[in-house]
Structure formats: structure tokens, C-alpha cells
């Protein structure tokens, strides 16, 4: 069952910034708050890549390609996870998704529709 709704994507020039949001509108906070959450992206024709994750205690982890440029955060009261992206490059054009991760860091729920990020001049 799809649990998350992504938003905030759009067209941005190289070097630009965007903030993505991921809401869990069907979830109650007692279910959302303990979740390990992650942002993924999928470039056309390629597999989904985990780019950032955040624990319930707000410890964060990033893929090497986004370290220092992306910041993941969460607002448990809003059941929302954010991804602040800066210095975006054309090769980061992709559909961005969020999901909860299991203890073995596998996606937990069905995928939502994602949000398209296009980096182009």
C-alpha cells in the first residue's frame, strides 16, 4: 500500500536548489515517528538509488555523490521528510521517491508516484 506522497520537484538550472517534501498522510504519528526514512532517485532507464536516509533520532546518512550538497530532515509532527538539494547537476535529473526502510535498509511500502526533478539550462 502506498503510504507516502512526494512533492516539490520541478525544473531547475544547473547549480540550483530545490526542496522536496515527503508526507505520510495515511499514517498516524506513532507509526511514522519510529520509521527509518529514505529518499531515492531513479534516472530514466536505471534502477532506484538510495541517496539519503534519516533515523527516528535524526541521524543522517548520504550517498557519496550527494554528500555536502543534500540535506535530509524530518518533522514528525507533520509526518514529513524533506530533502534540501543544492548545486544540482544535469545528471541528477530523475524521479525522486521516498520510502521507509526496514532494518536491512530495504524499502518497506509500495512506491508512490515520486516527484520529477529536471536539471537543465
Protein backbone atom coordinates (compact mmCIF):
# COMPACT_ATOMS: atom_id res chain seq x y z
CA UNK A 1 0.00 0.00 0.00
CA UNK A 2 1.31 3.44 -0.94
CA UNK A 3 1.94 5.47 2.17
CA UNK A 4 3.93 8.48 1.03
CA UNK A 5 3.30 11.45 -1.24
CA UNK A 6 6.26 13.27 -2.72
CA UNK A 7 6.23 16.88 -3.91
CA UNK A 8 8.48 19.82 -4.63
CA UNK A 9 10.12 18.75 -7.85
CA UNK A 10 10.45 20.93 -10.91
CA UNK A 11 12.81 22.44 -13.42
CA UNK A 12 15.99 23.98 -12.08
CA UNK A 13 19.14 25.27 -13.72
CA UNK A 14 22.49 23.61 -13.08
CA UNK A 15 23.84 24.79 -9.75
CA UNK A 16 20.35 25.50 -8.49
CA UNK A 17 18.47 24.25 -5.44
CA UNK A 18 15.19 22.55 -4.63
CA UNK A 19 13.50 21.27 -1.51
CA UNK A 20 11.46 18.09 -1.78
CA UNK A 21 8.79 17.00 0.66
CA UNK A 22 7.51 13.54 1.51
CA UNK A 23 4.31 13.25 3.54
CA UNK A 24 2.68 10.22 5.10
CA UNK A 25 -0.93 11.39 5.16
CA UNK A 26 -2.41 7.97 5.94
CA UNK A 27 -0.08 7.29 8.82
CA UNK A 28 -0.62 8.04 12.44
CA UNK A 29 2.34 9.66 14.14
CA UNK A 30 3.00 6.66 16.37
CA UNK A 31 3.67 4.65 13.21
CA UNK A 32 5.61 7.35 11.33
CA UNK A 33 7.88 8.52 14.14
CA UNK A 34 9.88 5.28 14.59
CA UNK A 35 10.47 4.85 10.87
CA UNK A 36 13.86 4.94 9.23
CA UNK A 37 13.13 7.07 6.17
CA UNK A 38 14.97 7.44 2.90
CA UNK A 39 14.99 9.46 -0.29
CA UNK A 40 15.68 7.61 -3.51
CA UNK A 41 16.05 8.69 -7.09
CA UNK A 42 15.64 6.91 -10.38
CA UNK A 43 17.26 8.18 -13.53
CA UNK A 44 15.41 7.15 -16.67
CA UNK A 45 16.47 3.67 -17.71
CA UNK A 46 18.31 2.94 -14.45
CA UNK A 47 17.50 1.42 -11.09
CA UNK A 48 16.44 3.27 -7.97
CA UNK A 49 19.30 4.69 -5.91
CA UNK A 50 19.14 5.49 -2.20
CA UNK A 51 20.60 8.97 -1.80
CA UNK A 52 19.87 9.84 1.82
CA UNK A 53 18.34 8.37 4.95
CA UNK A 54 17.35 9.61 8.40
CA UNK A 55 16.74 7.65 11.57
CA UNK A 56 13.98 8.36 14.09
CA UNK A 57 16.65 10.12 16.18
CA UNK A 58 17.63 12.21 13.14
CA UNK A 59 20.96 10.56 12.42
CA UNK A 60 21.58 11.00 8.72
CA UNK A 61 23.44 9.12 6.02
CA UNK A 62 24.18 10.15 2.43
CA UNK A 63 25.34 8.63 -0.79
CA UNK A 64 28.83 9.71 -1.78
CA UNK A 65 27.59 11.62 -4.80
CA UNK A 66 25.37 13.95 -2.74
CA UNK A 67 27.38 14.45 0.45
CA UNK A 68 27.80 18.10 1.26
CA UNK A 69 25.06 19.15 -1.17
CA UNK A 70 21.90 17.38 0.03
CA UNK A 71 20.36 17.57 3.49
CA UNK A 72 17.64 15.24 4.73
CA UNK A 73 15.46 16.25 7.66
CA UNK A 74 12.16 15.29 9.21
CA UNK A 75 9.26 16.89 11.02
CA UNK A 76 7.48 14.13 12.90
CA UNK A 77 4.58 16.35 13.92
CA UNK A 78 3.81 16.81 10.23
CA UNK A 79 4.73 13.22 9.28
CA UNK A 80 7.04 14.72 6.68
CA UNK A 81 10.57 14.17 5.49
CA UNK A 82 12.41 16.79 3.47
CA UNK A 83 15.33 16.72 1.06
CA UNK A 84 17.11 20.02 0.55
CA UNK A 85 19.20 19.77 -2.61
CA UNK A 86 21.78 22.28 -3.73
CA UNK A 87 24.28 22.61 -6.58
CA UNK A 88 22.16 20.29 -8.69
CA UNK A 89 23.67 18.89 -11.86
CA UNK A 90 22.04 17.67 -15.09
CA UNK A 91 22.91 14.05 -14.35
CA UNK A 92 20.72 14.32 -11.25
CA UNK A 93 17.65 14.66 -13.38
CA UNK A 94 15.45 11.89 -12.07
CA UNK A 95 12.23 10.98 -10.35
CA UNK A 96 12.73 11.28 -6.61
CA UNK A 97 10.88 8.97 -4.22
CA UNK A 98 10.73 8.45 -0.51
CA UNK A 99 10.02 5.31 1.47
CA UNK A 100 10.51 3.80 4.86
CA UNK A 101 13.43 1.41 5.20
CA UNK A 102 13.49 -1.91 7.01
CA UNK A 103 16.22 -2.92 9.43
CA UNK A 104 18.10 -4.33 6.44
CA UNK A 105 17.61 -1.00 4.61
CA UNK A 106 15.12 -2.35 2.12
CA UNK A 107 12.14 -0.25 1.05
CA UNK A 108 9.11 -1.13 3.10
CA UNK A 109 6.00 0.14 1.33
CA UNK A 110 4.70 0.36 -2.20
CA UNK A 111 6.22 3.21 -4.14
CA UNK A 112 4.35 6.45 -4.63
CA UNK A 113 4.39 8.47 -7.82
CA UNK A 114 7.53 10.36 -6.93
CA UNK A 115 8.37 13.89 -7.95
CA UNK A 116 10.26 14.79 -11.12
CA UNK A 117 13.41 16.87 -10.83
CA UNK A 118 14.82 18.20 -14.08
CA UNK A 119 18.16 19.98 -14.08
CA UNK A 120 18.66 21.83 -17.32
CA UNK A 121 19.63 25.21 -18.68
